[in-house]
Amino acid sequence: MGGDFYDIIPLGADQIGLVVADACGKGVTAALFVALTRSLLRAASIAPWIFQGGDILDAESILTGALWMTNDYICREHADSDMFITLFYGVLNVGNGELAYVNAGHNPPLRISADGREIVELEGGTLPIGIIASQNYDVSRTIIGPGEQLIAFSDGITEAMNKAGEPYNDDRFHADLRSKALLPAQDMVTNLIAEVDEYAAGAPQADDMTLLVLQRRT
């Protein structure tokens, strides 16, 4: 019963939705909020295509509409639960690499240069989902260039502890990303998780770990 989730949402034309999220808390309650949030976000992202007869919506409309509806429902129907969800949601144009995104209190995703040397945190952010009703969401934009990568993750990776209680931290994560940046996406995921497991060296896992790697080939 995990408190993290990720999703890839087909949005038609040349667009896909990319989601990485982390519900506060653990156990059954967190897992139920994960299921609720994922379902609401996916339904709200796809619904305009149905209601408007298949007309293409721009990325900003999809992001702001889906996040507004998801946040408002959770605030209205589950305010007494004191639950919230940090969430990164990006809409990627797979033709030109343009990424429109909202970061709702989540770890900033990373853009890695084609040679693997430069790592840039995506700027911009707002409150997590479930904090304040009628929240407005400002959309940020960037370009994932040819050969570049987008890395989205949950804090279970950077905050993984070894037996001495020391976190894996951002610096180690960035160093390992650079050393593996030229690997295929699936190999990067496998190798990075292995690095975290080796660092923890048998210490109890304190949090869920989610890692999404997207590579633009051309």
N, C-alpha and C. Protein backbone atom coordinates (compact mmCIF):
# COMPACT_ATOMS: atom_id res chain seq x y z
N MET A 1 0.86 -1.18 0.00
CA MET A 1 0.00 0.00 0.00
C MET A 1 0.89 1.23 0.00
N GLY A 2 1.12 1.78 -1.18
CA GLY A 2 2.07 2.87 -1.31
C GLY A 2 1.41 4.23 -1.22
N GLY A 3 2.21 5.24 -0.82
CA GLY A 3 1.75 6.62 -0.79
C GLY A 3 2.25 7.43 -1.96
N ASP A 4 3.02 6.82 -2.87
CA ASP A 4 3.48 7.46 -4.10
C ASP A 4 2.66 6.94 -5.27
N PHE A 5 2.64 7.72 -6.35
CA PHE A 5 2.19 7.16 -7.61
C PHE A 5 2.79 7.96 -8.76
N TYR A 6 2.82 7.32 -9.92
CA TYR A 6 3.17 8.03 -11.14
C TYR A 6 2.18 7.61 -12.21
N ASP A 7 2.04 8.43 -13.25
CA ASP A 7 1.10 8.10 -14.31
C ASP A 7 1.59 8.73 -15.61
N ILE A 8 1.26 8.06 -16.70
CA ILE A 8 1.48 8.58 -18.05
C ILE A 8 0.10 8.66 -18.69
N ILE A 9 -0.36 9.86 -19.02
CA ILE A 9 -1.73 10.06 -19.49
C ILE A 9 -1.72 10.43 -20.97
N PRO A 10 -2.30 9.60 -21.84
CA PRO A 10 -2.39 9.96 -23.26
C PRO A 10 -3.41 11.07 -23.45
N LEU A 11 -3.00 12.17 -24.07
CA LEU A 11 -3.87 13.34 -24.21
C LEU A 11 -4.22 13.64 -25.66
N GLY A 12 -3.87 12.74 -26.56
CA GLY A 12 -4.20 12.94 -27.96
C GLY A 12 -3.18 13.82 -28.66
N ALA A 13 -3.29 13.85 -29.99
CA ALA A 13 -2.37 14.63 -30.82
C ALA A 13 -0.94 14.28 -30.45
N ASP A 14 -0.13 15.28 -30.11
CA ASP A 14 1.28 15.04 -29.76
C ASP A 14 1.54 15.21 -28.27
N GLN A 15 0.51 15.15 -27.43
CA GLN A 15 0.69 15.46 -26.02
C GLN A 15 0.51 14.24 -25.12
N ILE A 16 1.35 14.17 -24.09
CA ILE A 16 1.17 13.18 -23.03
C ILE A 16 1.33 13.88 -21.68
N GLY A 17 0.60 13.37 -20.69
CA GLY A 17 0.73 13.89 -19.34
C GLY A 17 1.69 13.04 -18.53
N LEU A 18 2.51 13.68 -17.72
CA LEU A 18 3.51 13.01 -16.89
C LEU A 18 3.27 13.42 -15.44
N VAL A 19 3.01 12.44 -14.58
CA VAL A 19 2.66 12.74 -13.19
C VAL A 19 3.54 11.94 -12.24
N VAL A 20 4.06 12.60 -11.22
CA VAL A 20 4.69 11.94 -10.08
C VAL A 20 4.15 12.61 -8.83
N ALA A 21 3.66 11.82 -7.87
CA ALA A 21 2.99 12.39 -6.71
C ALA A 21 3.30 11.60 -5.45
N ASP A 22 3.08 12.26 -4.31
CA ASP A 22 3.38 11.66 -3.01
C ASP A 22 2.34 12.14 -2.01
N ALA A 23 1.53 11.22 -1.50
CA ALA A 23 0.54 11.55 -0.47
C ALA A 23 1.19 11.55 0.90
N CYS A 24 0.79 12.49 1.75
CA CYS A 24 1.34 12.51 3.11
C CYS A 24 0.84 11.28 3.87
N GLY A 25 1.61 10.89 4.85
CA GLY A 25 1.22 9.75 5.67
C GLY A 25 1.58 8.42 5.02
N LYS A 26 1.11 7.35 5.66
CA LYS A 26 1.45 6.01 5.19
C LYS A 26 0.24 5.09 5.37
N GLY A 27 0.38 3.87 4.88
CA GLY A 27 -0.64 2.86 5.12
C GLY A 27 -1.89 3.03 4.28
N VAL A 28 -3.02 2.53 4.80
CA VAL A 28 -4.26 2.46 4.05
C VAL A 28 -4.76 3.85 3.65
N THR A 29 -4.71 4.81 4.58
CA THR A 29 -5.22 6.15 4.27
C THR A 29 -4.47 6.78 3.11
N ALA A 30 -3.14 6.72 3.14
CA ALA A 30 -2.35 7.28 2.05
C ALA A 30 -2.63 6.56 0.74
N ALA A 31 -2.76 5.25 0.79
CA ALA A 31 -3.03 4.47 -0.42
C ALA A 31 -4.38 4.84 -1.02
N LEU A 32 -5.40 5.06 -0.18
CA LEU A 32 -6.71 5.45 -0.67
C LEU A 32 -6.67 6.84 -1.31
N PHE A 33 -5.90 7.75 -0.73
CA PHE A 33 -5.77 9.08 -1.34
C PHE A 33 -4.99 9.03 -2.64
N VAL A 34 -4.04 8.14 -2.73
CA VAL A 34 -3.33 7.94 -4.00
C VAL A 34 -4.32 7.50 -5.08
N ALA A 35 -5.15 6.51 -4.77
CA ALA A 35 -6.11 6.01 -5.75
C ALA A 35 -7.10 7.10 -6.14
N LEU A 36 -7.58 7.86 -5.17
CA LEU A 36 -8.53 8.93 -5.45
C LEU A 36 -7.91 10.01 -6.32
N THR A 37 -6.72 10.47 -5.95
CA THR A 37 -6.07 11.55 -6.69
C THR A 37 -5.74 11.14 -8.11
N ARG A 38 -5.21 9.94 -8.27
CA ARG A 38 -4.87 9.47 -9.62
C ARG A 38 -6.11 9.40 -10.49
N SER A 39 -7.20 8.87 -9.95
CA SER A 39 -8.42 8.73 -10.73
C SER A 39 -9.00 10.10 -11.11
N LEU A 40 -9.05 11.02 -10.13
CA LEU A 40 -9.57 12.35 -10.41
C LEU A 40 -8.73 13.07 -11.45
N LEU A 41 -7.42 13.02 -11.30
CA LEU A 41 -6.53 13.74 -12.20
C LEU A 41 -6.62 13.19 -13.62
N ARG A 42 -6.63 11.88 -13.74
CA ARG A 42 -6.71 11.27 -15.06
C ARG A 42 -8.06 11.59 -15.72
N ALA A 43 -9.15 11.44 -14.97
CA ALA A 43 -10.47 11.71 -15.52
C ALA A 43 -10.62 13.16 -15.94
N ALA A 44 -10.14 14.07 -15.09
CA ALA A 44 -10.26 15.49 -15.40
C ALA A 44 -9.38 15.90 -16.57
N SER A 45 -8.27 15.21 -16.76
CA SER A 45 -7.37 15.53 -17.88
C SER A 45 -7.95 15.08 -19.21
N ILE A 46 -8.64 13.96 -19.20
CA ILE A 46 -9.16 13.39 -20.44
C ILE A 46 -10.56 13.90 -20.75
N ALA A 47 -11.34 14.26 -19.73
CA ALA A 47 -12.75 14.63 -19.91
C ALA A 47 -12.99 15.72 -20.95
N PRO A 48 -12.21 16.81 -20.99
CA PRO A 48 -12.52 17.86 -21.97
C PRO A 48 -12.51 17.35 -23.42
N TRP A 49 -11.70 16.34 -23.69
CA TRP A 49 -11.67 15.79 -25.05
C TRP A 49 -13.02 15.17 -25.39
N ILE A 50 -13.64 14.56 -24.38
CA ILE A 50 -14.93 13.91 -24.60
C ILE A 50 -16.03 14.96 -24.73
N PHE A 51 -16.07 15.90 -23.78
CA PHE A 51 -17.17 16.86 -23.75
C PHE A 51 -17.11 17.87 -24.88
N GLN A 52 -15.95 18.11 -25.44
CA GLN A 52 -15.83 19.08 -26.51
C GLN A 52 -15.66 18.42 -27.87
N GLY A 53 -16.07 17.17 -27.96
CA GLY A 53 -16.10 16.50 -29.26
C GLY A 53 -14.74 16.23 -29.85
N GLY A 54 -13.73 16.09 -28.99
CA GLY A 54 -12.40 15.75 -29.50
C GLY A 54 -11.55 16.94 -29.87
N ASP A 55 -12.05 18.17 -29.63
CA ASP A 55 -11.25 19.36 -29.92
C ASP A 55 -9.98 19.35 -29.07
N ILE A 56 -8.89 19.73 -29.66
CA ILE A 56 -7.61 19.72 -28.95
C ILE A 56 -7.56 20.89 -27.97
N LEU A 57 -7.23 20.60 -26.74
CA LEU A 57 -7.02 21.64 -25.75
C LEU A 57 -5.53 21.90 -25.58
N ASP A 58 -5.18 23.15 -25.29
CA ASP A 58 -3.78 23.45 -25.06
C ASP A 58 -3.36 22.92 -23.70
N ALA A 59 -2.05 22.78 -23.55
CA ALA A 59 -1.49 22.18 -22.34
C ALA A 59 -1.89 22.95 -21.08
N GLU A 60 -1.91 24.27 -21.16
CA GLU A 60 -2.23 25.07 -19.98
C GLU A 60 -3.66 24.82 -19.52
N SER A 61 -4.60 24.68 -20.46
CA SER A 61 -5.99 24.42 -20.09
C SER A 61 -6.14 23.05 -19.43
N ILE A 62 -5.43 22.07 -19.95
CA ILE A 62 -5.49 20.73 -19.36
C ILE A 62 -4.95 20.76 -17.94
N LEU A 63 -3.80 21.36 -17.75
CA LEU A 63 -3.17 21.40 -16.42
C LEU A 63 -4.02 22.15 -15.40
N THR A 64 -4.40 23.37 -15.74
CA THR A 64 -5.13 24.18 -14.76
C THR A 64 -6.51 23.61 -14.47
N GLY A 65 -7.18 23.09 -15.50
CA GLY A 65 -8.50 22.52 -15.29
C GLY A 65 -8.47 21.26 -14.45
N ALA A 66 -7.56 20.36 -14.78
CA ALA A 66 -7.47 19.08 -14.06
C ALA A 66 -7.04 19.29 -12.61
N LEU A 67 -6.05 20.14 -12.40
CA LEU A 67 -5.57 20.37 -11.04
C LEU A 67 -6.60 21.11 -10.21
N TRP A 68 -7.29 22.08 -10.80
CA TRP A 68 -8.31 22.81 -10.07
C TRP A 68 -9.41 21.87 -9.61
N MET A 69 -9.90 21.02 -10.52
CA MET A 69 -10.98 20.11 -10.17
C MET A 69 -10.56 19.11 -9.10
N THR A 70 -9.36 18.53 -9.26
CA THR A 70 -8.86 17.55 -8.30
C THR A 70 -8.69 18.18 -6.92
N ASN A 71 -8.04 19.34 -6.88
CA ASN A 71 -7.82 20.02 -5.61
C ASN A 71 -9.13 20.42 -4.95
N ASP A 72 -10.06 20.98 -5.72
CA ASP A 72 -11.32 21.45 -5.14
C ASP A 72 -12.14 20.29 -4.59
N TYR A 73 -12.15 19.18 -5.29
CA TYR A 73 -12.90 18.02 -4.80
C TYR A 73 -12.33 17.52 -3.47
N ILE A 74 -11.02 17.38 -3.41
CA ILE A 74 -10.39 16.88 -2.19
C ILE A 74 -10.60 17.85 -1.03
N CYS A 75 -10.45 19.16 -1.30
CA CYS A 75 -10.67 20.15 -0.23
C CYS A 75 -12.11 20.14 0.24
N ARG A 76 -13.05 19.98 -0.67
CA ARG A 76 -14.47 20.04 -0.33
C ARG A 76 -14.95 18.78 0.36
N GLU A 77 -14.56 17.62 -0.15
CA GLU A 77 -15.09 16.35 0.33
C GLU A 77 -14.26 15.69 1.43
N HIS A 78 -12.99 16.07 1.54
CA HIS A 78 -12.12 15.37 2.48
C HIS A 78 -11.31 16.34 3.35
N ALA A 79 -11.87 17.50 3.61
CA ALA A 79 -11.14 18.51 4.38
C ALA A 79 -10.81 18.03 5.79
N ASP A 80 -11.69 17.19 6.37
CA ASP A 80 -11.47 16.75 7.75
C ASP A 80 -10.41 15.66 7.88
N SER A 81 -9.88 15.20 6.75
CA SER A 81 -8.87 14.13 6.81
C SER A 81 -7.46 14.66 7.06
N ASP A 82 -7.27 15.98 6.84
CA ASP A 82 -5.94 16.60 6.98
C ASP A 82 -4.91 15.94 6.08
N MET A 83 -5.35 15.44 4.93
CA MET A 83 -4.44 14.83 3.97
C MET A 83 -4.12 15.82 2.86
N PHE A 84 -2.91 15.72 2.33
CA PHE A 84 -2.55 16.50 1.15
C PHE A 84 -1.62 15.68 0.28
N ILE A 85 -1.45 16.11 -0.96
CA ILE A 85 -0.63 15.38 -1.93
C ILE A 85 0.30 16.36 -2.62
N THR A 86 1.60 16.12 -2.57
CA THR A 86 2.52 16.87 -3.40
C THR A 86 2.54 16.21 -4.77
N LEU A 87 2.64 17.04 -5.81
CA LEU A 87 2.42 16.48 -7.15
C LEU A 87 3.11 17.33 -8.21
N PHE A 88 3.81 16.66 -9.11
CA PHE A 88 4.31 17.30 -10.33
C PHE A 88 3.49 16.78 -11.49
N TYR A 89 2.96 17.71 -12.30
CA TYR A 89 2.19 17.32 -13.47
C TYR A 89 2.70 18.13 -14.66
N GLY A 90 3.23 17.44 -15.65
CA GLY A 90 3.70 18.08 -16.86
C GLY A 90 2.97 17.56 -18.08
N VAL A 91 2.73 18.44 -19.04
CA VAL A 91 2.17 18.04 -20.34
C VAL A 91 3.26 18.26 -21.38
N LEU A 92 3.70 17.16 -21.97
CA LEU A 92 4.82 17.19 -22.91
C LEU A 92 4.33 17.10 -24.34
N ASN A 93 4.80 18.02 -25.17
CA ASN A 93 4.60 17.91 -26.62
C ASN A 93 5.73 17.05 -27.16
N VAL A 94 5.41 15.83 -27.56
CA VAL A 94 6.46 14.89 -27.96
C VAL A 94 7.05 15.25 -29.32
N GLY A 95 6.43 16.18 -30.05
CA GLY A 95 6.97 16.60 -31.33
C GLY A 95 8.10 17.59 -31.20
N ASN A 96 7.91 18.61 -30.34
CA ASN A 96 8.93 19.66 -30.23
C ASN A 96 9.62 19.71 -28.88
N GLY A 97 9.21 18.84 -27.93
CA GLY A 97 9.87 18.79 -26.63
C GLY A 97 9.43 19.84 -25.64
N GLU A 98 8.41 20.64 -25.98
CA GLU A 98 7.95 21.67 -25.05
C GLU A 98 7.21 21.01 -23.89
N LEU A 99 7.57 21.40 -22.68
CA LEU A 99 6.96 20.86 -21.47
C LEU A 99 6.31 22.00 -20.70
N ALA A 100 4.98 21.93 -20.58
CA ALA A 100 4.24 22.83 -19.70
C ALA A 100 3.98 22.06 -18.40
N TYR A 101 4.15 22.71 -17.25
CA TYR A 101 4.05 21.94 -16.01
C TYR A 101 3.63 22.80 -14.84
N VAL A 102 3.11 22.10 -13.83
CA VAL A 102 2.82 22.70 -12.53
C VAL A 102 3.46 21.81 -11.48
N ASN A 103 4.16 22.43 -10.56
CA ASN A 103 4.74 21.70 -9.43
C ASN A 103 3.98 22.10 -8.17
N ALA A 104 3.14 21.20 -7.67
CA ALA A 104 2.33 21.48 -6.49
C ALA A 104 3.02 20.93 -5.25
N GLY A 105 4.06 21.64 -4.81
CA GLY A 105 4.74 21.30 -3.56
C GLY A 105 5.65 20.09 -3.62
N HIS A 106 5.97 19.61 -4.83
CA HIS A 106 6.75 18.39 -4.98
C HIS A 106 8.23 18.71 -5.16
N ASN A 107 9.08 17.67 -5.05
CA ASN A 107 10.50 17.85 -5.35
C ASN A 107 10.65 18.39 -6.78
N PRO A 108 11.46 19.42 -6.99
CA PRO A 108 11.62 19.94 -8.35
C PRO A 108 12.22 18.88 -9.27
N PRO A 109 11.56 18.57 -10.39
CA PRO A 109 12.17 17.66 -11.36
C PRO A 109 13.44 18.26 -11.94
N LEU A 110 14.23 17.41 -12.57
CA LEU A 110 15.54 17.81 -13.09
C LEU A 110 15.59 17.64 -14.60
N ARG A 111 16.23 18.59 -15.27
CA ARG A 111 16.51 18.46 -16.69
C ARG A 111 18.01 18.25 -16.85
N ILE A 112 18.39 17.17 -17.52
CA ILE A 112 19.81 16.82 -17.69
C ILE A 112 20.21 17.07 -19.13
N SER A 113 21.33 17.74 -19.32
CA SER A 113 21.82 18.05 -20.66
C SER A 113 22.19 16.77 -21.40
N ALA A 114 22.32 16.89 -22.73
CA ALA A 114 22.58 15.71 -23.57
C ALA A 114 23.88 15.01 -23.21
N ASP A 115 24.88 15.76 -22.74
CA ASP A 115 26.16 15.14 -22.37
C ASP A 115 26.17 14.66 -20.91
N GLY A 116 25.10 14.91 -20.18
CA GLY A 116 25.00 14.45 -18.80
C GLY A 116 25.70 15.33 -17.79
N ARG A 117 26.31 16.41 -18.21
CA ARG A 117 27.10 17.21 -17.28
C ARG A 117 26.28 18.23 -16.51
N GLU A 118 25.28 18.81 -17.16
CA GLU A 118 24.51 19.88 -16.52
C GLU A 118 23.17 19.37 -16.03
N ILE A 119 22.85 19.69 -14.79
CA ILE A 119 21.57 19.32 -14.19
C ILE A 119 20.90 20.60 -13.71
N VAL A 120 19.69 20.83 -14.17
CA VAL A 120 18.95 22.05 -13.85
C VAL A 120 17.64 21.66 -13.19
N GLU A 121 17.34 22.28 -12.02
CA GLU A 121 16.05 22.08 -11.38
C GLU A 121 14.99 22.92 -12.09
N LEU A 122 13.84 22.33 -12.35
CA LEU A 122 12.75 23.08 -12.97
C LEU A 122 12.15 24.04 -11.94
N GLU A 123 12.08 25.30 -12.29
CA GLU A 123 11.61 26.33 -11.37
C GLU A 123 10.09 26.38 -11.33
N GLY A 124 9.57 27.06 -10.31
CA GLY A 124 8.14 27.26 -10.18
C GLY A 124 7.52 26.28 -9.22
N GLY A 125 6.49 26.75 -8.51
CA GLY A 125 5.83 25.86 -7.57
C GLY A 125 4.66 26.54 -6.89
N THR A 126 3.76 25.73 -6.38
CA THR A 126 2.60 26.22 -5.65
C THR A 126 2.28 25.25 -4.52
N LEU A 127 1.19 25.47 -3.82
CA LEU A 127 0.83 24.63 -2.68
C LEU A 127 0.45 23.22 -3.13
N PRO A 128 0.64 22.23 -2.25
CA PRO A 128 0.20 20.87 -2.57
C PRO A 128 -1.31 20.80 -2.79
N ILE A 129 -1.74 19.70 -3.37
CA ILE A 129 -3.16 19.43 -3.58
C ILE A 129 -3.82 19.12 -2.23
N GLY A 130 -4.97 19.75 -1.98
CA GLY A 130 -5.72 19.45 -0.76
C GLY A 130 -5.51 20.43 0.37
N ILE A 131 -4.83 21.54 0.13
CA ILE A 131 -4.56 22.52 1.19
C ILE A 131 -5.62 23.63 1.19
N ILE A 132 -5.80 24.29 0.05
CA ILE A 132 -6.71 25.43 -0.06
C ILE A 132 -7.61 25.24 -1.27
N ALA A 133 -8.91 25.38 -1.08
CA ALA A 133 -9.85 25.29 -2.20
C ALA A 133 -9.69 26.48 -3.14
N SER A 134 -10.09 26.29 -4.38
CA SER A 134 -10.05 27.35 -5.41
C SER A 134 -8.65 27.89 -5.64
N GLN A 135 -7.66 27.03 -5.46
CA GLN A 135 -6.27 27.40 -5.70
C GLN A 135 -6.03 27.67 -7.18
N ASN A 136 -5.33 28.75 -7.50
CA ASN A 136 -4.94 29.03 -8.89
C ASN A 136 -3.59 28.39 -9.16
N TYR A 137 -3.41 27.89 -10.36
CA TYR A 137 -2.18 27.18 -10.71
C TYR A 137 -1.49 27.88 -11.88
N ASP A 138 -0.31 28.43 -11.59
CA ASP A 138 0.48 29.06 -12.63
C ASP A 138 1.29 28.00 -13.37
N VAL A 139 1.22 28.04 -14.67
CA VAL A 139 1.90 27.05 -15.50
C VAL A 139 3.27 27.56 -15.91
N SER A 140 4.31 26.76 -15.71
CA SER A 140 5.67 27.07 -16.15
C SER A 140 5.97 26.27 -17.42
N ARG A 141 7.00 26.69 -18.12
CA ARG A 141 7.34 26.02 -19.37
C ARG A 141 8.85 25.86 -19.51
N THR A 142 9.24 24.78 -20.15
CA THR A 142 10.64 24.57 -20.52
C THR A 142 10.67 23.71 -21.77
N ILE A 143 11.85 23.51 -22.30
CA ILE A 143 12.04 22.65 -23.47
C ILE A 143 12.96 21.50 -23.10
N ILE A 144 12.54 20.27 -23.39
CA ILE A 144 13.43 19.12 -23.28
C ILE A 144 14.05 18.94 -24.66
N GLY A 145 15.30 19.36 -24.78
CA GLY A 145 15.96 19.35 -26.08
C GLY A 145 16.40 17.97 -26.52
N PRO A 146 16.79 17.82 -27.78
CA PRO A 146 17.28 16.53 -28.27
C PRO A 146 18.42 16.00 -27.41
N GLY A 147 18.30 14.75 -26.98
CA GLY A 147 19.31 14.12 -26.15
C GLY A 147 19.17 14.42 -24.67
N GLU A 148 18.30 15.36 -24.31
CA GLU A 148 18.14 15.72 -22.89
C GLU A 148 17.18 14.76 -22.19
N GLN A 149 17.17 14.86 -20.86
CA GLN A 149 16.34 13.98 -20.06
C GLN A 149 15.58 14.77 -19.02
N LEU A 150 14.41 14.26 -18.65
CA LEU A 150 13.63 14.79 -17.54
C LEU A 150 13.59 13.71 -16.46
N ILE A 151 13.94 14.09 -15.24
CA ILE A 151 13.95 13.17 -14.11
C ILE A 151 12.96 13.70 -13.08
N ALA A 152 11.90 12.93 -12.81
CA ALA A 152 10.94 13.28 -11.76
C ALA A 152 10.98 12.18 -10.71
N PHE A 153 10.88 12.56 -9.44
CA PHE A 153 11.12 11.58 -8.37
C PHE A 153 10.41 12.02 -7.10
N SER A 154 10.30 11.09 -6.17
CA SER A 154 9.74 11.42 -4.85
C SER A 154 10.87 11.51 -3.82
N ASP A 155 10.56 12.12 -2.68
CA ASP A 155 11.61 12.35 -1.68
C ASP A 155 12.08 11.09 -0.99
N GLY A 156 11.41 9.96 -1.25
CA GLY A 156 11.89 8.69 -0.71
C GLY A 156 13.26 8.32 -1.23
N ILE A 157 13.65 8.88 -2.38
CA ILE A 157 14.98 8.61 -2.94
C ILE A 157 16.04 9.46 -2.25
N THR A 158 15.89 10.76 -2.28
CA THR A 158 16.93 11.63 -1.72
C THR A 158 17.00 11.57 -0.20
N GLU A 159 15.91 11.14 0.45
CA GLU A 159 15.89 11.06 1.91
C GLU A 159 16.11 9.65 2.44
N ALA A 160 16.45 8.71 1.56
CA ALA A 160 16.77 7.35 2.02
C ALA A 160 17.97 7.40 2.97
N MET A 161 17.87 6.70 4.09
CA MET A 161 18.90 6.75 5.12
C MET A 161 19.76 5.50 5.13
N ASN A 162 21.04 5.68 5.45
CA ASN A 162 21.87 4.51 5.73
C ASN A 162 21.77 4.16 7.22
N LYS A 163 22.51 3.16 7.65
CA LYS A 163 22.39 2.71 9.04
C LYS A 163 22.86 3.77 10.04
N ALA A 164 23.66 4.73 9.57
CA ALA A 164 24.12 5.81 10.45
C ALA A 164 23.12 6.96 10.51
N GLY A 165 21.99 6.83 9.79
CA GLY A 165 20.98 7.88 9.79
C GLY A 165 21.31 9.05 8.88
N GLU A 166 22.22 8.83 7.91
CA GLU A 166 22.61 9.89 6.98
C GLU A 166 21.84 9.74 5.67
N PRO A 167 21.23 10.84 5.15
CA PRO A 167 20.43 10.74 3.94
C PRO A 167 21.29 10.61 2.68
N TYR A 168 20.73 9.94 1.71
CA TYR A 168 21.37 9.81 0.39
C TYR A 168 21.61 11.19 -0.20
N ASN A 169 20.71 12.09 -0.08
CA ASN A 169 20.72 13.52 -0.39
C ASN A 169 20.84 13.87 -1.88
N ASP A 170 20.61 15.14 -2.16
CA ASP A 170 20.58 15.63 -3.54
C ASP A 170 21.94 15.52 -4.22
N ASP A 171 23.01 15.80 -3.49
CA ASP A 171 24.34 15.79 -4.10
C ASP A 171 24.70 14.39 -4.61
N ARG A 172 24.46 13.36 -3.82
CA ARG A 172 24.74 11.99 -4.28
C ARG A 172 23.85 11.63 -5.47
N PHE A 173 22.59 12.01 -5.37
CA PHE A 173 21.65 11.73 -6.45
C PHE A 173 22.12 12.37 -7.75
N HIS A 174 22.52 13.62 -7.71
CA HIS A 174 22.98 14.31 -8.92
C HIS A 174 24.25 13.66 -9.47
N ALA A 175 25.16 13.30 -8.59
CA ALA A 175 26.40 12.65 -9.03
C ALA A 175 26.10 11.32 -9.73
N ASP A 176 25.19 10.54 -9.17
CA ASP A 176 24.83 9.26 -9.78
C ASP A 176 24.08 9.47 -11.09
N LEU A 177 23.27 10.52 -11.17
CA LEU A 177 22.59 10.82 -12.43
C LEU A 177 23.60 11.15 -13.53
N ARG A 178 24.60 11.95 -13.18
CA ARG A 178 25.61 12.30 -14.18
C ARG A 178 26.37 11.06 -14.66
N SER A 179 26.68 10.18 -13.75
CA SER A 179 27.48 9.00 -14.12
C SER A 179 26.68 8.01 -14.97
N LYS A 180 25.36 8.11 -14.94
CA LYS A 180 24.52 7.15 -15.66
C LYS A 180 23.68 7.80 -16.74
N ALA A 181 23.96 9.06 -17.04
CA ALA A 181 23.10 9.84 -17.92
C ALA A 181 23.05 9.31 -19.35
N LEU A 182 24.04 8.55 -19.78
CA LEU A 182 24.08 8.06 -21.15
C LEU A 182 23.45 6.67 -21.29
N LEU A 183 22.96 6.12 -20.20
CA LEU A 183 22.28 4.82 -20.25
C LEU A 183 20.87 4.99 -20.79
N PRO A 184 20.28 3.93 -21.36
CA PRO A 184 18.85 3.96 -21.71
C PRO A 184 18.02 4.19 -20.46
N ALA A 185 16.81 4.73 -20.64
CA ALA A 185 15.98 5.15 -19.51
C ALA A 185 15.74 4.02 -18.51
N GLN A 186 15.36 2.83 -18.99
CA GLN A 186 15.06 1.74 -18.06
C GLN A 186 16.30 1.33 -17.28
N ASP A 187 17.45 1.32 -17.95
CA ASP A 187 18.70 0.99 -17.25
C ASP A 187 19.06 2.05 -16.21
N MET A 188 18.76 3.32 -16.53
CA MET A 188 19.01 4.38 -15.55
C MET A 188 18.19 4.15 -14.29
N VAL A 189 16.90 3.84 -14.47
CA VAL A 189 16.04 3.60 -13.31
C VAL A 189 16.58 2.44 -12.47
N THR A 190 16.87 1.33 -13.15
CA THR A 190 17.35 0.13 -12.44
C THR A 190 18.64 0.42 -11.69
N ASN A 191 19.58 1.10 -12.35
CA ASN A 191 20.88 1.37 -11.72
C ASN A 191 20.79 2.39 -10.60
N LEU A 192 19.96 3.40 -10.77
CA LEU A 192 19.83 4.41 -9.72
C LEU A 192 19.19 3.84 -8.46
N ILE A 193 18.16 3.03 -8.64
CA ILE A 193 17.53 2.41 -7.48
C ILE A 193 18.52 1.47 -6.78
N ALA A 194 19.35 0.77 -7.57
CA ALA A 194 20.37 -0.09 -6.99
C ALA A 194 21.37 0.72 -6.17
N GLU A 195 21.71 1.92 -6.65
CA GLU A 195 22.63 2.80 -5.91
C GLU A 195 22.03 3.20 -4.56
N VAL A 196 20.74 3.53 -4.57
CA VAL A 196 20.08 3.92 -3.32
C VAL A 196 20.03 2.74 -2.35
N ASP A 197 19.68 1.57 -2.88
CA ASP A 197 19.63 0.37 -2.03
C ASP A 197 21.00 0.05 -1.44
N GLU A 198 22.04 0.19 -2.26
CA GLU A 198 23.39 -0.08 -1.77
C GLU A 198 23.78 0.93 -0.69
N TYR A 199 23.39 2.19 -0.89
CA TYR A 199 23.71 3.21 0.11
C TYR A 199 23.00 2.91 1.43
N ALA A 200 21.75 2.50 1.35
CA ALA A 200 20.99 2.20 2.56
C ALA A 200 21.55 0.97 3.28
N ALA A 201 22.16 0.06 2.53
CA ALA A 201 22.87 -1.09 3.09
C ALA A 201 22.07 -1.84 4.14
N GLY A 202 20.83 -2.13 3.81
CA GLY A 202 20.02 -2.93 4.72
C GLY A 202 19.26 -2.16 5.77
N ALA A 203 19.43 -0.84 5.83
CA ALA A 203 18.65 -0.04 6.78
C ALA A 203 17.18 -0.08 6.37
N PRO A 204 16.26 -0.04 7.32
CA PRO A 204 14.82 -0.09 6.98
C PRO A 204 14.43 1.03 6.03
N GLN A 205 13.62 0.70 5.03
CA GLN A 205 13.14 1.71 4.09
C GLN A 205 12.08 2.56 4.77
N ALA A 206 12.33 3.87 4.85
CA ALA A 206 11.44 4.76 5.60
C ALA A 206 10.30 5.32 4.76
N ASP A 207 10.45 5.31 3.45
CA ASP A 207 9.45 5.95 2.60
C ASP A 207 9.42 5.27 1.24
N ASP A 208 8.30 5.48 0.52
CA ASP A 208 8.20 4.95 -0.85
C ASP A 208 9.20 5.67 -1.75
N MET A 209 9.65 4.99 -2.78
CA MET A 209 10.56 5.58 -3.75
C MET A 209 9.97 5.48 -5.14
N THR A 210 9.89 6.62 -5.82
CA THR A 210 9.37 6.66 -7.19
C THR A 210 10.33 7.46 -8.05
N LEU A 211 10.63 6.92 -9.23
CA LEU A 211 11.58 7.55 -10.14
C LEU A 211 11.06 7.43 -11.56
N LEU A 212 10.90 8.55 -12.24
CA LEU A 212 10.46 8.57 -13.63
C LEU A 212 11.54 9.21 -14.48
N VAL A 213 12.02 8.50 -15.49
CA VAL A 213 13.06 9.00 -16.38
C VAL A 213 12.49 9.08 -17.79
N LEU A 214 12.56 10.27 -18.37
CA LEU A 214 12.12 10.47 -19.75
C LEU A 214 13.31 10.97 -20.57
N GLN A 215 13.56 10.33 -21.68
CA GLN A 215 14.67 10.71 -22.56
C GLN A 215 14.13 11.10 -23.93
N ARG A 216 14.59 12.24 -24.43
CA ARG A 216 14.24 12.65 -25.80
C ARG A 216 15.39 12.24 -26.72
N ARG A 217 15.09 11.38 -27.66
CA ARG A 217 16.15 10.84 -28.53
C ARG A 217 16.50 11.84 -29.63
N THR A 218 15.50 12.48 -30.23
CA THR A 218 15.77 13.40 -31.35
C THR A 218 14.99 14.69 -31.16
